[in-house]
């Protein structure tokens, strides 16, 4: 992957520079660093739905309307 200004290949960084076994080792851990008691959304579907609804309302200014009556 040469750069536009020098034509030299760029050094591999981060995961690209690691050997495949090391990448697998890191990927295998996944979300294991998060304790079970902190994963409340995985245990309570209604809590997750309510949080998503609240976030959607905040970002869209009230969320979607249920009916089609306001389309014209």
N, C-alpha and C. Protein backbone atom coordinates (compact mmCIF):
# COMPACT_ATOMS: atom_id res chain seq x y z
N UNK A 1 0.85 -1.18 0.00
CA UNK A 1 0.00 0.00 0.00
C UNK A 1 0.90 1.24 0.00
N UNK A 2 1.34 1.70 -1.15
CA UNK A 2 2.21 2.88 -1.19
C UNK A 2 1.46 4.16 -0.91
N UNK A 3 2.18 5.11 -0.34
CA UNK A 3 1.58 6.41 -0.09
C UNK A 3 1.67 7.25 -1.35
N UNK A 4 0.83 8.26 -1.47
CA UNK A 4 0.77 9.08 -2.66
C UNK A 4 2.00 9.98 -2.82
N UNK A 5 2.56 10.43 -1.71
CA UNK A 5 3.64 11.40 -1.82
C UNK A 5 5.04 10.78 -1.94
N UNK A 6 5.29 9.60 -1.36
CA UNK A 6 6.64 9.04 -1.39
C UNK A 6 6.76 7.79 -2.25
N UNK A 7 5.66 7.08 -2.44
CA UNK A 7 5.72 5.84 -3.19
C UNK A 7 6.22 4.66 -2.37
N UNK A 8 6.65 4.89 -1.14
CA UNK A 8 7.12 3.81 -0.27
C UNK A 8 5.94 3.14 0.41
N UNK A 9 6.04 1.86 0.66
CA UNK A 9 4.95 1.19 1.38
C UNK A 9 4.86 1.68 2.82
N UNK A 10 3.65 1.76 3.31
CA UNK A 10 3.44 2.20 4.70
C UNK A 10 3.67 1.04 5.64
N UNK A 11 4.13 1.36 6.83
CA UNK A 11 4.35 0.33 7.85
C UNK A 11 3.02 -0.18 8.35
N UNK A 12 2.95 -1.47 8.61
CA UNK A 12 1.73 -2.05 9.16
C UNK A 12 1.64 -1.68 10.62
N UNK A 13 0.44 -1.32 11.05
CA UNK A 13 0.23 -0.87 12.43
C UNK A 13 -0.93 -1.62 13.04
N UNK A 14 -1.01 -1.61 14.37
CA UNK A 14 -2.15 -2.19 15.09
C UNK A 14 -2.33 -3.67 14.80
N UNK A 15 -3.57 -4.08 14.54
CA UNK A 15 -3.87 -5.49 14.30
C UNK A 15 -3.19 -6.01 13.05
N UNK A 16 -2.99 -5.17 12.06
CA UNK A 16 -2.35 -5.61 10.83
C UNK A 16 -0.92 -6.06 11.07
N UNK A 17 -0.26 -5.51 12.08
CA UNK A 17 1.13 -5.85 12.36
C UNK A 17 1.24 -7.11 13.23
N UNK A 18 0.14 -7.54 13.84
CA UNK A 18 0.19 -8.70 14.73
C UNK A 18 0.13 -10.00 13.95
N UNK A 19 0.67 -11.04 14.56
CA UNK A 19 0.54 -12.34 13.90
C UNK A 19 -0.88 -12.85 14.12
N UNK A 20 -1.35 -13.72 13.24
CA UNK A 20 -2.76 -14.18 13.32
C UNK A 20 -3.14 -14.81 14.65
N UNK A 21 -2.22 -15.53 15.27
CA UNK A 21 -2.55 -16.16 16.55
C UNK A 21 -2.80 -15.12 17.64
N UNK A 22 -2.02 -14.06 17.67
CA UNK A 22 -2.21 -12.99 18.65
C UNK A 22 -3.55 -12.29 18.42
N UNK A 23 -3.92 -12.06 17.16
CA UNK A 23 -5.23 -11.44 16.85
C UNK A 23 -6.36 -12.32 17.33
N UNK A 24 -6.24 -13.64 17.09
CA UNK A 24 -7.28 -14.57 17.55
C UNK A 24 -7.41 -14.56 19.06
N UNK A 25 -6.28 -14.49 19.74
CA UNK A 25 -6.28 -14.47 21.22
C UNK A 25 -7.04 -13.25 21.75
N UNK A 26 -6.80 -12.10 21.14
CA UNK A 26 -7.49 -10.88 21.56
C UNK A 26 -8.98 -10.95 21.20
N UNK A 27 -9.29 -11.40 20.00
CA UNK A 27 -10.68 -11.47 19.55
C UNK A 27 -11.48 -12.46 20.39
N UNK A 28 -10.84 -13.52 20.83
CA UNK A 28 -11.52 -14.54 21.62
C UNK A 28 -12.04 -13.99 22.94
N UNK A 29 -11.37 -12.98 23.46
CA UNK A 29 -11.79 -12.38 24.73
C UNK A 29 -13.08 -11.60 24.60
N UNK A 30 -13.35 -11.04 23.44
CA UNK A 30 -14.59 -10.33 23.17
C UNK A 30 -14.96 -9.35 24.27
N UNK A 31 -16.14 -9.48 24.82
CA UNK A 31 -16.61 -8.58 25.87
C UNK A 31 -16.36 -9.13 27.26
N UNK A 32 -15.41 -10.02 27.41
CA UNK A 32 -15.18 -10.67 28.69
C UNK A 32 -14.73 -9.70 29.78
N UNK A 33 -14.22 -8.54 29.41
CA UNK A 33 -13.76 -7.61 30.43
C UNK A 33 -14.92 -6.92 31.15
N UNK A 34 -16.12 -7.03 30.61
CA UNK A 34 -17.30 -6.42 31.22
C UNK A 34 -17.93 -7.45 32.15
N UNK A 35 -18.04 -7.16 33.45
CA UNK A 35 -18.65 -8.12 34.37
C UNK A 35 -20.12 -8.36 34.06
N UNK A 36 -20.61 -9.53 34.41
CA UNK A 36 -21.98 -9.91 34.12
C UNK A 36 -23.02 -8.94 34.66
N UNK A 37 -22.79 -8.40 35.85
CA UNK A 37 -23.77 -7.48 36.44
C UNK A 37 -23.86 -6.16 35.68
N UNK A 38 -22.87 -5.86 34.85
CA UNK A 38 -22.90 -4.63 34.05
C UNK A 38 -23.60 -4.83 32.71
N UNK A 39 -23.92 -6.05 32.37
CA UNK A 39 -24.56 -6.36 31.09
C UNK A 39 -26.08 -6.44 31.26
N UNK A 40 -26.66 -5.38 31.77
CA UNK A 40 -28.08 -5.42 32.09
C UNK A 40 -28.96 -5.54 30.86
N UNK A 41 -28.56 -4.98 29.73
CA UNK A 41 -29.40 -5.05 28.53
C UNK A 41 -29.50 -6.47 28.00
N UNK A 42 -28.46 -7.26 28.19
CA UNK A 42 -28.50 -8.64 27.73
C UNK A 42 -29.50 -9.46 28.55
N UNK A 43 -29.75 -9.05 29.79
CA UNK A 43 -30.65 -9.79 30.66
C UNK A 43 -32.08 -9.28 30.61
N UNK A 44 -32.27 -8.01 30.32
CA UNK A 44 -33.59 -7.40 30.39
C UNK A 44 -33.95 -6.72 29.07
N UNK A 45 -34.71 -7.42 28.25
CA UNK A 45 -35.07 -6.92 26.92
C UNK A 45 -35.89 -5.63 26.98
N UNK A 46 -36.79 -5.54 27.95
CA UNK A 46 -37.61 -4.33 28.08
C UNK A 46 -36.77 -3.11 28.45
N UNK A 47 -35.78 -3.31 29.30
CA UNK A 47 -34.88 -2.22 29.66
C UNK A 47 -34.10 -1.74 28.44
N UNK A 48 -33.63 -2.67 27.63
CA UNK A 48 -32.89 -2.32 26.41
C UNK A 48 -33.79 -1.57 25.44
N UNK A 49 -35.03 -2.02 25.28
CA UNK A 49 -35.97 -1.36 24.37
C UNK A 49 -36.27 0.06 24.82
N UNK A 50 -36.46 0.22 26.13
CA UNK A 50 -36.76 1.55 26.66
C UNK A 50 -35.57 2.50 26.46
N UNK A 51 -34.36 2.00 26.67
CA UNK A 51 -33.18 2.83 26.48
C UNK A 51 -33.01 3.22 25.01
N UNK A 52 -33.25 2.29 24.11
CA UNK A 52 -33.16 2.58 22.69
C UNK A 52 -34.21 3.58 22.25
N UNK A 53 -35.40 3.44 22.80
CA UNK A 53 -36.48 4.38 22.47
C UNK A 53 -36.13 5.78 22.96
N UNK A 54 -35.59 5.86 24.18
CA UNK A 54 -35.21 7.15 24.75
C UNK A 54 -34.11 7.81 23.92
N UNK A 55 -33.12 7.04 23.51
CA UNK A 55 -32.04 7.58 22.69
C UNK A 55 -32.54 8.02 21.32
N UNK A 56 -33.46 7.26 20.75
CA UNK A 56 -34.02 7.62 19.45
C UNK A 56 -34.82 8.90 19.51
N UNK A 57 -35.56 9.07 20.57
CA UNK A 57 -36.34 10.30 20.73
C UNK A 57 -35.42 11.51 20.88
N UNK A 58 -34.33 11.33 21.59
CA UNK A 58 -33.39 12.43 21.79
C UNK A 58 -32.70 12.82 20.49
N UNK A 59 -32.39 11.84 19.66
CA UNK A 59 -31.66 12.14 18.44
C UNK A 59 -32.56 12.58 17.29
N UNK A 60 -33.83 12.15 17.28
CA UNK A 60 -34.73 12.51 16.18
C UNK A 60 -35.78 13.52 16.59
N UNK A 61 -35.69 14.01 17.78
CA UNK A 61 -36.65 15.01 18.21
C UNK A 61 -38.04 14.47 18.42
N UNK A 62 -38.16 13.30 18.99
CA UNK A 62 -39.49 12.78 19.32
C UNK A 62 -39.78 11.44 18.68
N UNK A 63 -38.97 10.99 17.77
CA UNK A 63 -39.17 9.69 17.17
C UNK A 63 -40.18 9.69 16.06
N UNK A 64 -40.48 8.52 15.58
CA UNK A 64 -41.42 8.35 14.47
C UNK A 64 -42.86 8.44 14.96
N UNK A 65 -43.72 8.83 14.08
CA UNK A 65 -45.14 8.79 14.42
C UNK A 65 -45.68 7.44 14.04
N UNK A 66 -46.74 6.99 14.70
CA UNK A 66 -47.28 5.66 14.47
C UNK A 66 -48.15 5.58 13.21
N UNK A 67 -48.90 6.61 12.93
CA UNK A 67 -49.82 6.54 11.80
C UNK A 67 -49.28 7.18 10.54
N UNK A 68 -50.05 7.07 9.46
CA UNK A 68 -49.65 7.68 8.20
C UNK A 68 -50.44 8.93 7.93
N UNK A 69 -51.21 9.39 8.91
CA UNK A 69 -52.09 10.53 8.72
C UNK A 69 -51.38 11.84 8.46
N UNK A 70 -50.14 11.99 8.85
CA UNK A 70 -49.45 13.26 8.68
C UNK A 70 -48.61 13.33 7.41
N UNK A 71 -48.79 12.37 6.50
CA UNK A 71 -48.01 12.38 5.27
C UNK A 71 -48.60 13.27 4.18
N UNK A 72 -49.75 13.77 4.36
CA UNK A 72 -50.24 14.68 3.36
C UNK A 72 -51.62 14.46 3.02
